Amino acid sequence: GKRMTFGKGGEASLTQWMADNALVCWIERSEPWNLESQLISQLNLPLN
């Protein structure tokens, strides 16, 4: 009761939705936390 998820079916649906709709990309940086803070402050990142 301490953990919260969308249940087996909901998590499976979410996994499929992400496979169909979510893409990931990245760039290598020696200090990525600096770039992360900069991007969050300058871009419209509504899910963050």
ModelCIF file with pLDDT and N, C-alpha, C, O atoms, coordinates in Angstrom:
data_MODEL
#
_entry.id   MODEL 
#
_entity.id                         1 
_entity.type                       polymer 
_entity.pdbx_number_of_molecules   1 
#
_entity_poly.entity_id                      1 
_entity_poly.type                           'polypeptide(L)' 
_entity_poly.nstd_linkage                   no 
_entity_poly.nstd_monomer                   no 
_entity_poly.pdbx_seq_one_letter_code       GKRMTFGKGGEASLTQWMADNALVCWIERSEPWNLESQLISQLNLPLN 
_entity_poly.pdbx_seq_one_letter_code_can   GKRMTFGKGGEASLTQWMADNALVCWIERSEPWNLESQLISQLNLPLN 
_entity_poly.pdbx_strand_id                 A 
#
loop_
_entity_poly_seq.entity_id 
_entity_poly_seq.num 
_entity_poly_seq.mon_id 
_entity_poly_seq.hetero 
1 1  GLY n 
1 2  LYS n 
1 3  ARG n 
1 4  MET n 
1 5  THR n 
1 6  PHE n 
1 7  GLY n 
1 8  LYS n 
1 9  GLY n 
1 10 GLY n 
1 11 GLU n 
1 12 ALA n 
1 13 SER n 
1 14 LEU n 
1 15 THR n 
1 16 GLN n 
1 17 TRP n 
1 18 MET n 
1 19 ALA n 
1 20 ASP n 
1 21 ASN n 
1 22 ALA n 
1 23 LEU n 
1 24 VAL n 
1 25 CYS n 
1 26 TRP n 
1 27 ILE n 
1 28 GLU n 
1 29 ARG n 
1 30 SER n 
1 31 GLU n 
1 32 PRO n 
1 33 TRP n 
1 34 ASN n 
1 35 LEU n 
1 36 GLU n 
1 37 SER n 
1 38 GLN n 
1 39 LEU n 
1 40 ILE n 
1 41 SER n 
1 42 GLN n 
1 43 LEU n 
1 44 ASN n 
1 45 LEU n 
1 46 PRO n 
1 47 LEU n 
1 48 ASN n 
#
_struct_asym.id          A 
_struct_asym.entity_id   1 
#
loop_
_ma_qa_metric.id 
_ma_qa_metric.mode 
_ma_qa_metric.name 
_ma_qa_metric.software_group_id 
_ma_qa_metric.type 
1 global pLDDT . pLDDT 
2 local  pLDDT . pLDDT 
#
_ma_qa_metric_global.metric_id      1 
_ma_qa_metric_global.metric_value   90.83 
_ma_qa_metric_global.model_id       1 
_ma_qa_metric_global.ordinal_id     1 
#
loop_
_ma_qa_metric_local.label_asym_id 
_ma_qa_metric_local.label_comp_id 
_ma_qa_metric_local.label_seq_id 
_ma_qa_metric_local.metric_id 
_ma_qa_metric_local.metric_value 
_ma_qa_metric_local.model_id 
_ma_qa_metric_local.ordinal_id 
A GLY 1  2 94.00 1 1  
A LYS 2  2 94.00 1 2  
A ARG 3  2 96.00 1 3  
A MET 4  2 98.00 1 4  
A THR 5  2 98.00 1 5  
A PHE 6  2 98.00 1 6  
A GLY 7  2 96.00 1 7  
A LYS 8  2 95.00 1 8  
A GLY 9  2 96.00 1 9  
A GLY 10 2 97.00 1 10 
A GLU 11 2 97.00 1 11 
A ALA 12 2 97.00 1 12 
A SER 13 2 97.00 1 13 
A LEU 14 2 98.00 1 14 
A THR 15 2 97.00 1 15 
A GLN 16 2 97.00 1 16 
A TRP 17 2 97.00 1 17 
A MET 18 2 96.00 1 18 
A ALA 19 2 95.00 1 19 
A ASP 20 2 97.00 1 20 
A ASN 21 2 97.00 1 21 
A ALA 22 2 94.00 1 22 
A LEU 23 2 91.00 1 23 
A VAL 24 2 89.00 1 24 
A CYS 25 2 86.00 1 25 
A TRP 26 2 83.00 1 26 
A ILE 27 2 83.00 1 27 
A GLU 28 2 85.00 1 28 
A ARG 29 2 85.00 1 29 
A SER 30 2 84.00 1 30 
A GLU 31 2 84.00 1 31 
A PRO 32 2 82.00 1 32 
A TRP 33 2 80.00 1 33 
A ASN 34 2 84.00 1 34 
A LEU 35 2 86.00 1 35 
A GLU 36 2 82.00 1 36 
A SER 37 2 83.00 1 37 
A GLN 38 2 87.00 1 38 
A LEU 39 2 87.00 1 39 
A ILE 40 2 85.00 1 40 
A SER 41 2 86.00 1 41 
A GLN 42 2 90.00 1 42 
A LEU 43 2 89.00 1 43 
A ASN 44 2 90.00 1 44 
A LEU 45 2 88.00 1 45 
A PRO 46 2 92.00 1 46 
A LEU 47 2 90.00 1 47 
A ASN 48 2 88.00 1 48 
#
loop_
_atom_site.group_PDB 
_atom_site.id 
_atom_site.type_symbol 
_atom_site.label_atom_id 
_atom_site.label_alt_id 
_atom_site.label_comp_id 
_atom_site.label_asym_id 
_atom_site.label_entity_id 
_atom_site.label_seq_id 
_atom_site.pdbx_PDB_ins_code 
_atom_site.Cartn_x 
_atom_site.Cartn_y 
_atom_site.Cartn_z 
_atom_site.occupancy 
_atom_site.B_iso_or_equiv 
_atom_site.pdbx_formal_charge 
_atom_site.auth_seq_id 
_atom_site.auth_comp_id 
_atom_site.auth_asym_id 
_atom_site.auth_atom_id 
_atom_site.pdbx_PDB_model_num 
ATOM 1   N N  . GLY A 1 1  ? 0.798  -1.223 0.000   1.00 94.00 ? 1  GLY A N  1 
ATOM 2   C CA . GLY A 1 1  ? 0.000  0.000  0.000   1.00 94.00 ? 1  GLY A CA 1 
ATOM 3   C C  . GLY A 1 1  ? 0.827  1.267  0.000   1.00 94.00 ? 1  GLY A C  1 
ATOM 4   O O  . GLY A 1 1  ? 0.279  2.365  -0.098  1.00 94.00 ? 1  GLY A O  1 
ATOM 5   N N  . LYS A 1 2  ? 2.138  1.131  0.109   1.00 94.00 ? 2  LYS A N  1 
ATOM 6   C CA . LYS A 1 2  ? 3.011  2.312  0.115   1.00 94.00 ? 2  LYS A CA 1 
ATOM 7   C C  . LYS A 1 2  ? 3.364  2.782  -1.301  1.00 94.00 ? 2  LYS A C  1 
ATOM 8   O O  . LYS A 1 2  ? 3.578  3.973  -1.530  1.00 94.00 ? 2  LYS A O  1 
ATOM 9   N N  . ARG A 1 3  ? 3.422  1.854  -2.233  1.00 96.00 ? 3  ARG A N  1 
ATOM 10  C CA . ARG A 1 3  ? 3.759  2.195  -3.623  1.00 96.00 ? 3  ARG A CA 1 
ATOM 11  C C  . ARG A 1 3  ? 2.491  2.457  -4.420  1.00 96.00 ? 3  ARG A C  1 
ATOM 12  O O  . ARG A 1 3  ? 1.444  1.870  -4.148  1.00 96.00 ? 3  ARG A O  1 
ATOM 13  N N  . MET A 1 4  ? 2.591  3.342  -5.403  1.00 98.00 ? 4  MET A N  1 
ATOM 14  C CA . MET A 1 4  ? 1.452  3.638  -6.270  1.00 98.00 ? 4  MET A CA 1 
ATOM 15  C C  . MET A 1 4  ? 1.870  3.456  -7.718  1.00 98.00 ? 4  MET A C  1 
ATOM 16  O O  . MET A 1 4  ? 2.874  4.005  -8.173  1.00 98.00 ? 4  MET A O  1 
ATOM 17  N N  . THR A 1 5  ? 1.069  2.664  -8.431  1.00 98.00 ? 5  THR A N  1 
ATOM 18  C CA . THR A 1 5  ? 1.300  2.437  -9.854  1.00 98.00 ? 5  THR A CA 1 
ATOM 19  C C  . THR A 1 5  ? -0.053 2.486  -10.568 1.00 98.00 ? 5  THR A C  1 
ATOM 20  O O  . THR A 1 5  ? -1.090 2.712  -9.945  1.00 98.00 ? 5  THR A O  1 
ATOM 21  N N  . PHE A 1 6  ? -0.025 2.278  -11.845 1.00 98.00 ? 6  PHE A N  1 
ATOM 22  C CA . PHE A 1 6  ? -1.259 2.217  -12.628 1.00 98.00 ? 6  PHE A CA 1 
ATOM 23  C C  . PHE A 1 6  ? -1.747 0.782  -12.783 1.00 98.00 ? 6  PHE A C  1 
ATOM 24  O O  . PHE A 1 6  ? -2.579 0.505  -13.647 1.00 98.00 ? 6  PHE A O  1 
ATOM 25  N N  . GLY A 1 7  ? -1.244 -0.130 -11.963 1.00 96.00 ? 7  GLY A N  1 
ATOM 26  C CA . GLY A 1 7  ? -1.632 -1.529 -12.044 1.00 96.00 ? 7  GLY A CA 1 
ATOM 27  C C  . GLY A 1 7  ? -1.029 -2.179 -13.276 1.00 96.00 ? 7  GLY A C  1 
ATOM 28  O O  . GLY A 1 7  ? -0.496 -1.495 -14.149 1.00 96.00 ? 7  GLY A O  1 
ATOM 29  N N  . LYS A 1 8  ? -1.114 -3.485 -13.343 1.00 95.00 ? 8  LYS A N  1 
ATOM 30  C CA . LYS A 1 8  ? -0.496 -4.219 -14.459 1.00 95.00 ? 8  LYS A CA 1 
ATOM 31  C C  . LYS A 1 8  ? -1.029 -3.766 -15.807 1.00 95.00 ? 8  LYS A C  1 
ATOM 32  O O  . LYS A 1 8  ? -0.255 -3.513 -16.730 1.00 95.00 ? 8  LYS A O  1 
ATOM 33  N N  . GLY A 1 9  ? -2.339 -3.663 -15.924 1.00 96.00 ? 9  GLY A N  1 
ATOM 34  C CA . GLY A 1 9  ? -2.932 -3.262 -17.197 1.00 96.00 ? 9  GLY A CA 1 
ATOM 35  C C  . GLY A 1 9  ? -2.610 -1.825 -17.567 1.00 96.00 ? 9  GLY A C  1 
ATOM 36  O O  . GLY A 1 9  ? -2.287 -1.530 -18.717 1.00 96.00 ? 9  GLY A O  1 
ATOM 37  N N  . GLY A 1 10 ? -2.699 -0.939 -16.598 1.00 97.00 ? 10 GLY A N  1 
ATOM 38  C CA . GLY A 1 10 ? -2.404 0.469  -16.856 1.00 97.00 ? 10 GLY A CA 1 
ATOM 39  C C  . GLY A 1 10 ? -0.950 0.699  -17.213 1.00 97.00 ? 10 GLY A C  1 
ATOM 40  O O  . GLY A 1 10 ? -0.637 1.473  -18.117 1.00 97.00 ? 10 GLY A O  1 
ATOM 41  N N  . GLU A 1 11 ? -0.061 0.021  -16.495 1.00 97.00 ? 11 GLU A N  1 
ATOM 42  C CA . GLU A 1 11 ? 1.372  0.162  -16.796 1.00 97.00 ? 11 GLU A CA 1 
ATOM 43  C C  . GLU A 1 11 ? 1.680  -0.405 -18.178 1.00 97.00 ? 11 GLU A C  1 
ATOM 44  O O  . GLU A 1 11 ? 2.497  0.157  -18.908 1.00 97.00 ? 11 GLU A O  1 
ATOM 45  N N  . ALA A 1 12 ? 1.037  -1.506 -18.544 1.00 97.00 ? 12 ALA A N  1 
ATOM 46  C CA . ALA A 1 12 ? 1.240  -2.083 -19.883 1.00 97.00 ? 12 ALA A CA 1 
ATOM 47  C C  . ALA A 1 12 ? 0.737  -1.118 -20.950 1.00 97.00 ? 12 ALA A C  1 
ATOM 48  O O  . ALA A 1 12 ? 1.392  -0.924 -21.974 1.00 97.00 ? 12 ALA A O  1 
ATOM 49  N N  . SER A 1 13 ? -0.421 -0.515 -20.714 1.00 97.00 ? 13 SER A N  1 
ATOM 50  C CA . SER A 1 13 ? -0.957 0.470  -21.675 1.00 97.00 ? 13 SER A CA 1 
ATOM 51  C C  . SER A 1 13 ? -0.021 1.660  -21.808 1.00 97.00 ? 13 SER A C  1 
ATOM 52  O O  . SER A 1 13 ? 0.213  2.161  -22.908 1.00 97.00 ? 13 SER A O  1 
ATOM 53  N N  . LEU A 1 14 ? 0.515  2.107  -20.675 1.00 98.00 ? 14 LEU A N  1 
ATOM 54  C CA . LEU A 1 14 ? 1.436  3.242  -20.694 1.00 98.00 ? 14 LEU A CA 1 
ATOM 55  C C  . LEU A 1 14 ? 2.720  2.886  -21.433 1.00 98.00 ? 14 LEU A C  1 
ATOM 56  O O  . LEU A 1 14 ? 3.234  3.688  -22.212 1.00 98.00 ? 14 LEU A O  1 
ATOM 57  N N  . THR A 1 15 ? 3.231  1.699  -21.192 1.00 97.00 ? 15 THR A N  1 
ATOM 58  C CA . THR A 1 15 ? 4.434  1.249  -21.900 1.00 97.00 ? 15 THR A CA 1 
ATOM 59  C C  . THR A 1 15 ? 4.200  1.258  -23.409 1.00 97.00 ? 15 THR A C  1 
ATOM 60  O O  . THR A 1 15 ? 5.051  1.714  -24.172 1.00 97.00 ? 15 THR A O  1 
ATOM 61  N N  . GLN A 1 16 ? 3.054  0.758  -23.831 1.00 97.00 ? 16 GLN A N  1 
ATOM 62  C CA . GLN A 1 16 ? 2.741  0.736  -25.260 1.00 97.00 ? 16 GLN A CA 1 
ATOM 63  C C  . GLN A 1 16 ? 2.598  2.150  -25.799 1.00 97.00 ? 16 GLN A C  1 
ATOM 64  O O  . GLN A 1 16 ? 3.096  2.452  -26.884 1.00 97.00 ? 16 GLN A O  1 
ATOM 65  N N  . TRP A 1 17 ? 1.917  3.028  -25.047 1.00 97.00 ? 17 TRP A N  1 
ATOM 66  C CA . TRP A 1 17 ? 1.756  4.413  -25.482 1.00 97.00 ? 17 TRP A CA 1 
ATOM 67  C C  . TRP A 1 17 ? 3.123  5.070  -25.652 1.00 97.00 ? 17 TRP A C  1 
ATOM 68  O O  . TRP A 1 17 ? 3.357  5.782  -26.629 1.00 97.00 ? 17 TRP A O  1 
ATOM 69  N N  . MET A 1 18 ? 4.022  4.830  -24.703 1.00 96.00 ? 18 MET A N  1 
ATOM 70  C CA . MET A 1 18 ? 5.366  5.410  -24.802 1.00 96.00 ? 18 MET A CA 1 
ATOM 71  C C  . MET A 1 18 ? 6.123  4.844  -26.002 1.00 96.00 ? 18 MET A C  1 
ATOM 72  O O  . MET A 1 18 ? 6.824  5.582  -26.694 1.00 96.00 ? 18 MET A O  1 
ATOM 73  N N  . ALA A 1 19 ? 5.989  3.554  -26.250 1.00 95.00 ? 19 ALA A N  1 
ATOM 74  C CA . ALA A 1 19 ? 6.661  2.950  -27.409 1.00 95.00 ? 19 ALA A CA 1 
ATOM 75  C C  . ALA A 1 19 ? 6.172  3.583  -28.703 1.00 95.00 ? 19 ALA A C  1 
ATOM 76  O O  . ALA A 1 19 ? 6.947  3.764  -29.642 1.00 95.00 ? 19 ALA A O  1 
ATOM 77  N N  . ASP A 1 20 ? 4.894  3.918  -28.750 1.00 97.00 ? 20 ASP A N  1 
ATOM 78  C CA . ASP A 1 20 ? 4.311  4.505  -29.949 1.00 97.00 ? 20 ASP A CA 1 
ATOM 79  C C  . ASP A 1 20 ? 4.548  6.007  -30.080 1.00 97.00 ? 20 ASP A C  1 
ATOM 80  O O  . ASP A 1 20 ? 4.558  6.536  -31.192 1.00 97.00 ? 20 ASP A O  1 
ATOM 81  N N  . ASN A 1 21 ? 4.740  6.698  -28.956 1.00 97.00 ? 21 ASN A N  1 
ATOM 82  C CA . ASN A 1 21 ? 4.715  8.167  -28.988 1.00 97.00 ? 21 ASN A CA 1 
ATOM 83  C C  . ASN A 1 21 ? 5.904  8.900  -28.373 1.00 97.00 ? 21 ASN A C  1 
ATOM 84  O O  . ASN A 1 21 ? 6.088  10.088 -28.639 1.00 97.00 ? 21 ASN A O  1 
ATOM 85  N N  . ALA A 1 22 ? 6.698  8.239  -27.575 1.00 94.00 ? 22 ALA A N  1 
ATOM 86  C CA . ALA A 1 22 ? 7.780  8.937  -26.869 1.00 94.00 ? 22 ALA A CA 1 
ATOM 87  C C  . ALA A 1 22 ? 9.139  8.540  -27.434 1.00 94.00 ? 22 ALA A C  1 
ATOM 88  O O  . ALA A 1 22 ? 9.441  7.356  -27.585 1.00 94.00 ? 22 ALA A O  1 
ATOM 89  N N  . LEU A 1 23 ? 9.927  9.517  -27.735 1.00 91.00 ? 23 LEU A N  1 
ATOM 90  C CA . LEU A 1 23 ? 11.277 9.288  -28.250 1.00 91.00 ? 23 LEU A CA 1 
ATOM 91  C C  . LEU A 1 23 ? 12.295 9.865  -27.276 1.00 91.00 ? 23 LEU A C  1 
ATOM 92  O O  . LEU A 1 23 ? 12.007 10.826 -26.562 1.00 91.00 ? 23 LEU A O  1 
ATOM 93  N N  . VAL A 1 24 ? 13.471 9.282  -27.249 1.00 89.00 ? 24 VAL A N  1 
ATOM 94  C CA . VAL A 1 24 ? 14.541 9.736  -26.366 1.00 89.00 ? 24 VAL A CA 1 
ATOM 95  C C  . VAL A 1 24 ? 15.766 10.048 -27.200 1.00 89.00 ? 24 VAL A C  1 
ATOM 96  O O  . VAL A 1 24 ? 16.107 9.316  -28.128 1.00 89.00 ? 24 VAL A O  1 
ATOM 97  N N  . CYS A 1 25 ? 16.415 11.133 -26.861 1.00 86.00 ? 25 CYS A N  1 
ATOM 98  C CA . CYS A 1 25 ? 17.717 11.444 -27.464 1.00 86.00 ? 25 CYS A CA 1 
ATOM 99  C C  . CYS A 1 25 ? 18.570 12.099 -26.390 1.00 86.00 ? 25 CYS A C  1 
ATOM 100 O O  . CYS A 1 25 ? 18.052 12.554 -25.371 1.00 86.00 ? 25 CYS A O  1 
ATOM 101 N N  . TRP A 1 26 ? 19.868 12.146 -26.616 1.00 83.00 ? 26 TRP A N  1 
ATOM 102 C CA . TRP A 1 26 ? 20.751 12.766 -25.641 1.00 83.00 ? 26 TRP A CA 1 
ATOM 103 C C  . TRP A 1 26 ? 22.025 13.220 -26.317 1.00 83.00 ? 26 TRP A C  1 
ATOM 104 O O  . TRP A 1 26 ? 22.345 12.836 -27.442 1.00 83.00 ? 26 TRP A O  1 
ATOM 105 N N  . ILE A 1 27 ? 22.733 14.049 -25.587 1.00 83.00 ? 27 ILE A N  1 
ATOM 106 C CA . ILE A 1 27 ? 24.064 14.458 -26.008 1.00 83.00 ? 27 ILE A CA 1 
ATOM 107 C C  . ILE A 1 27 ? 25.003 14.219 -24.828 1.00 83.00 ? 27 ILE A C  1 
ATOM 108 O O  . ILE A 1 27 ? 24.598 14.319 -23.670 1.00 83.00 ? 27 ILE A O  1 
ATOM 109 N N  . GLU A 1 28 ? 26.243 13.908 -25.131 1.00 85.00 ? 28 GLU A N  1 
ATOM 110 C CA . GLU A 1 28 ? 27.211 13.655 -24.069 1.00 85.00 ? 28 GLU A CA 1 
ATOM 111 C C  . GLU A 1 28 ? 27.787 14.984 -23.582 1.00 85.00 ? 28 GLU A C  1 
ATOM 112 O O  . GLU A 1 28 ? 28.176 15.835 -24.381 1.00 85.00 ? 28 GLU A O  1 
ATOM 113 N N  . ARG A 1 29 ? 27.835 15.145 -22.280 1.00 85.00 ? 29 ARG A N  1 
ATOM 114 C CA . ARG A 1 29 ? 28.418 16.322 -21.640 1.00 85.00 ? 29 ARG A CA 1 
ATOM 115 C C  . ARG A 1 29 ? 29.177 15.868 -20.407 1.00 85.00 ? 29 ARG A C  1 
ATOM 116 O O  . ARG A 1 29 ? 28.745 14.945 -19.715 1.00 85.00 ? 29 ARG A O  1 
ATOM 117 N N  . SER A 1 30 ? 30.299 16.505 -20.128 1.00 84.00 ? 30 SER A N  1 
ATOM 118 C CA . SER A 1 30 ? 31.068 16.129 -18.940 1.00 84.00 ? 30 SER A CA 1 
ATOM 119 C C  . SER A 1 30 ? 30.353 16.535 -17.658 1.00 84.00 ? 30 SER A C  1 
ATOM 120 O O  . SER A 1 30 ? 30.509 15.869 -16.634 1.00 84.00 ? 30 SER A O  1 
ATOM 121 N N  . GLU A 1 31 ? 29.568 17.617 -17.691 1.00 84.00 ? 31 GLU A N  1 
ATOM 122 C CA . GLU A 1 31 ? 28.801 18.070 -16.528 1.00 84.00 ? 31 GLU A CA 1 
ATOM 123 C C  . GLU A 1 31 ? 27.351 18.327 -16.963 1.00 84.00 ? 31 GLU A C  1 
ATOM 124 O O  . GLU A 1 31 ? 26.926 19.478 -17.075 1.00 84.00 ? 31 GLU A O  1 
ATOM 125 N N  . PRO A 1 32 ? 26.600 17.253 -17.206 1.00 82.00 ? 32 PRO A N  1 
ATOM 126 C CA . PRO A 1 32 ? 25.256 17.406 -17.771 1.00 82.00 ? 32 PRO A CA 1 
ATOM 127 C C  . PRO A 1 32 ? 24.298 18.190 -16.887 1.00 82.00 ? 32 PRO A C  1 
ATOM 128 O O  . PRO A 1 32 ? 23.350 18.784 -17.400 1.00 82.00 ? 32 PRO A O  1 
ATOM 129 N N  . TRP A 1 33 ? 24.512 18.211 -15.586 1.00 80.00 ? 33 TRP A N  1 
ATOM 130 C CA . TRP A 1 33 ? 23.624 18.940 -14.685 1.00 80.00 ? 33 TRP A CA 1 
ATOM 131 C C  . TRP A 1 33 ? 23.622 20.430 -14.977 1.00 80.00 ? 33 TRP A C  1 
ATOM 132 O O  . TRP A 1 33 ? 22.615 21.099 -14.746 1.00 80.00 ? 33 TRP A O  1 
ATOM 133 N N  . ASN A 1 34 ? 24.721 20.958 -15.475 1.00 84.00 ? 34 ASN A N  1 
ATOM 134 C CA . ASN A 1 34 ? 24.754 22.381 -15.847 1.00 84.00 ? 34 ASN A CA 1 
ATOM 135 C C  . ASN A 1 34 ? 23.845 22.647 -17.045 1.00 84.00 ? 34 ASN A C  1 
ATOM 136 O O  . ASN A 1 34 ? 23.094 23.623 -17.056 1.00 84.00 ? 34 ASN A O  1 
ATOM 137 N N  . LEU A 1 35 ? 23.913 21.791 -18.037 1.00 86.00 ? 35 LEU A N  1 
ATOM 138 C CA . LEU A 1 35 ? 23.068 21.945 -19.218 1.00 86.00 ? 35 LEU A CA 1 
ATOM 139 C C  . LEU A 1 35 ? 21.598 21.728 -18.859 1.00 86.00 ? 35 LEU A C  1 
ATOM 140 O O  . LEU A 1 35 ? 20.723 22.434 -19.361 1.00 86.00 ? 35 LEU A O  1 
ATOM 141 N N  . GLU A 1 36 ? 21.330 20.762 -17.998 1.00 82.00 ? 36 GLU A N  1 
ATOM 142 C CA . GLU A 1 36 ? 19.950 20.486 -17.603 1.00 82.00 ? 36 GLU A CA 1 
ATOM 143 C C  . GLU A 1 36 ? 19.311 21.724 -16.982 1.00 82.00 ? 36 GLU A C  1 
ATOM 144 O O  . GLU A 1 36 ? 18.206 22.105 -17.369 1.00 82.00 ? 36 GLU A O  1 
ATOM 145 N N  . SER A 1 37 ? 19.980 22.348 -16.041 1.00 83.00 ? 37 SER A N  1 
ATOM 146 C CA . SER A 1 37 ? 19.442 23.546 -15.401 1.00 83.00 ? 37 SER A CA 1 
ATOM 147 C C  . SER A 1 37 ? 19.221 24.662 -16.415 1.00 83.00 ? 37 SER A C  1 
ATOM 148 O O  . SER A 1 37 ? 18.213 25.367 -16.364 1.00 83.00 ? 37 SER A O  1 
ATOM 149 N N  . GLN A 1 38 ? 20.153 24.815 -17.320 1.00 87.00 ? 38 GLN A N  1 
ATOM 150 C CA . GLN A 1 38 ? 20.046 25.843 -18.354 1.00 87.00 ? 38 GLN A CA 1 
ATOM 151 C C  . GLN A 1 38 ? 18.849 25.576 -19.269 1.00 87.00 ? 38 GLN A C  1 
ATOM 152 O O  . GLN A 1 38 ? 18.083 26.493 -19.564 1.00 87.00 ? 38 GLN A O  1 
ATOM 153 N N  . LEU A 1 39 ? 18.683 24.344 -19.713 1.00 87.00 ? 39 LEU A N  1 
ATOM 154 C CA . LEU A 1 39 ? 17.578 24.003 -20.604 1.00 87.00 ? 39 LEU A CA 1 
ATOM 155 C C  . LEU A 1 39 ? 16.224 24.193 -19.914 1.00 87.00 ? 39 LEU A C  1 
ATOM 156 O O  . LEU A 1 39 ? 15.285 24.719 -20.511 1.00 87.00 ? 39 LEU A O  1 
ATOM 157 N N  . ILE A 1 40 ? 16.135 23.765 -18.664 1.00 85.00 ? 40 ILE A N  1 
ATOM 158 C CA . ILE A 1 40 ? 14.875 23.916 -17.936 1.00 85.00 ? 40 ILE A CA 1 
ATOM 159 C C  . ILE A 1 40 ? 14.507 25.382 -17.792 1.00 85.00 ? 40 ILE A C  1 
ATOM 160 O O  . ILE A 1 40 ? 13.331 25.736 -17.880 1.00 85.00 ? 40 ILE A O  1 
ATOM 161 N N  . SER A 1 41 ? 15.485 26.230 -17.575 1.00 86.00 ? 41 SER A N  1 
ATOM 162 C CA . SER A 1 41 ? 15.187 27.652 -17.396 1.00 86.00 ? 41 SER A CA 1 
ATOM 163 C C  . SER A 1 41 ? 14.862 28.361 -18.711 1.00 86.00 ? 41 SER A C  1 
ATOM 164 O O  . SER A 1 41 ? 14.176 29.383 -18.703 1.00 86.00 ? 41 SER A O  1 
ATOM 165 N N  . GLN A 1 42 ? 15.341 27.835 -19.838 1.00 90.00 ? 42 GLN A N  1 
ATOM 166 C CA . GLN A 1 42 ? 15.189 28.541 -21.110 1.00 90.00 ? 42 GLN A CA 1 
ATOM 167 C C  . GLN A 1 42 ? 14.132 27.961 -22.047 1.00 90.00 ? 42 GLN A C  1 
ATOM 168 O O  . GLN A 1 42 ? 13.615 28.673 -22.908 1.00 90.00 ? 42 GLN A O  1 
ATOM 169 N N  . LEU A 1 43 ? 13.810 26.696 -21.892 1.00 89.00 ? 43 LEU A N  1 
ATOM 170 C CA . LEU A 1 43 ? 12.869 26.061 -22.812 1.00 89.00 ? 43 LEU A CA 1 
ATOM 171 C C  . LEU A 1 43 ? 11.522 25.827 -22.141 1.00 89.00 ? 43 LEU A C  1 
ATOM 172 O O  . LEU A 1 43 ? 11.420 25.833 -20.915 1.00 89.00 ? 43 LEU A O  1 
ATOM 173 N N  . ASN A 1 44 ? 10.509 25.624 -22.937 1.00 90.00 ? 44 ASN A N  1 
ATOM 174 C CA . ASN A 1 44 ? 9.197  25.270 -22.426 1.00 90.00 ? 44 ASN A CA 1 
ATOM 175 C C  . ASN A 1 44 ? 9.144  23.751 -22.285 1.00 90.00 ? 44 ASN A C  1 
ATOM 176 O O  . ASN A 1 44 ? 8.902  23.036 -23.257 1.00 90.00 ? 44 ASN A O  1 
ATOM 177 N N  . LEU A 1 45 ? 9.375  23.267 -21.060 1.00 88.00 ? 45 LEU A N  1 
ATOM 178 C CA . LEU A 1 45 ? 9.397  21.832 -20.778 1.00 88.00 ? 45 LEU A CA 1 
ATOM 179 C C  . LEU A 1 45 ? 8.291  21.527 -19.764 1.00 88.00 ? 45 LEU A C  1 
ATOM 180 O O  . LEU A 1 45 ? 8.571  21.359 -18.577 1.00 88.00 ? 45 LEU A O  1 
ATOM 181 N N  . PRO A 1 46 ? 7.052  21.456 -20.217 1.00 92.00 ? 46 PRO A N  1 
ATOM 182 C CA . PRO A 1 46 ? 5.915  21.397 -19.298 1.00 92.00 ? 46 PRO A CA 1 
ATOM 183 C C  . PRO A 1 46 ? 5.832  20.142 -18.440 1.00 92.00 ? 46 PRO A C  1 
ATOM 184 O O  . PRO A 1 46 ? 5.184  20.172 -17.393 1.00 92.00 ? 46 PRO A O  1 
ATOM 185 N N  . LEU A 1 47 ? 6.456  19.051 -18.838 1.00 90.00 ? 47 LEU A N  1 
ATOM 186 C CA . LEU A 1 47 ? 6.363  17.826 -18.045 1.00 90.00 ? 47 LEU A CA 1 
ATOM 187 C C  . LEU A 1 47 ? 7.401  17.761 -16.941 1.00 90.00 ? 47 LEU A C  1 
ATOM 188 O O  . LEU A 1 47 ? 7.343  16.871 -16.093 1.00 90.00 ? 47 LEU A O  1 
ATOM 189 N N  . ASN A 1 48 ? 8.339  18.676 -16.935 1.00 88.00 ? 48 ASN A N  1 
ATOM 190 C CA . ASN A 1 48 ? 9.388  18.692 -15.933 1.00 88.00 ? 48 ASN A CA 1 
ATOM 191 C C  . ASN A 1 48 ? 8.959  19.579 -14.767 1.00 88.00 ? 48 ASN A C  1 
ATOM 192 O O  . ASN A 1 48 ? 9.706  19.733 -13.801 1.00 88.00 ? 48 ASN A O  1 
#
